[in-house]
Amino acid sequence: MQDETNWDDPKLREILEKTVELFYEFGIRNLNMDDISRNLKISKKTLYQYVKSKEDLIEKIFEYDGLKWNMEFAKIKIDELNAIEILIKASLLIYDEMRRLDSKQKFELRKYYQAIFDRVMQTKQNHIFDHISMNIRKGIKEGLYRSDVNIELAATLYVRNMIDMHSDEYCFNENISFEQLFEAMFENHLRAISTPEGIAYFEKRKSEINQLNNKHK
């Protein structure tokens, strides 16, 4: 197996995508490489041509998932949209990205693959921080965000809130859904950094965020 991963290889993508489905169905820890190759209907020798180990397979799944997220983000026409429009679209992508890890997967990763879990979460946090920081700078130039915003602090709080929301202990009230938490966090972030012009613009676009409740019911 080459050191440089060829993400354009359709067989590799197929292996990663089908393995994700297996992890959702059976759990990460419950499957070994024999189980995975058998369910994928390929030989273990073929599987090892693409990954070095189960740990390598898990890492590649998350790396591939991150690449797909970056491709989706690249579709946002940054030069044609203002900062609030970009933030709405990017936050919806972040929302979907962060929801992909269910409680069982997070538990298994933390307990049995702690190093991989830490790297995955750190990478996600860095990507989100960079995008939010760029968004704030753009919004300040456009007059939609306050010029006195502490960019590093605001971006850090956004990331921290996003990560915390995915903790099982974050919301103790079972009557409050994840979607409601996300909407409140997003609106609080935007109102905290926006000028009156930015808030007025957001009020016109607020319905797009509110569609989350209907989207995931």
Foldseek 3Di string as FASTA:
>chain_A
DDPDADLVPPVLVLLLVVVLVVCVVPNLVVDALVNSCVVVVHDSVVVCVRAVGSLRSVLVSLVSLVVVLVVVLVPPPPVVDALVVSLLVNLVSLVVSLPSQAPRRLVCCCPPVVVSSVVSLVVSLVVQLVVQLVSLVRCVVVQFFDPPDPSNVLSNVLSVQSVLLRDPPNDPDPVADSLNSSLVSSVVSSVVTGDPVNVVVCVVVSVSSVCVVVVPD
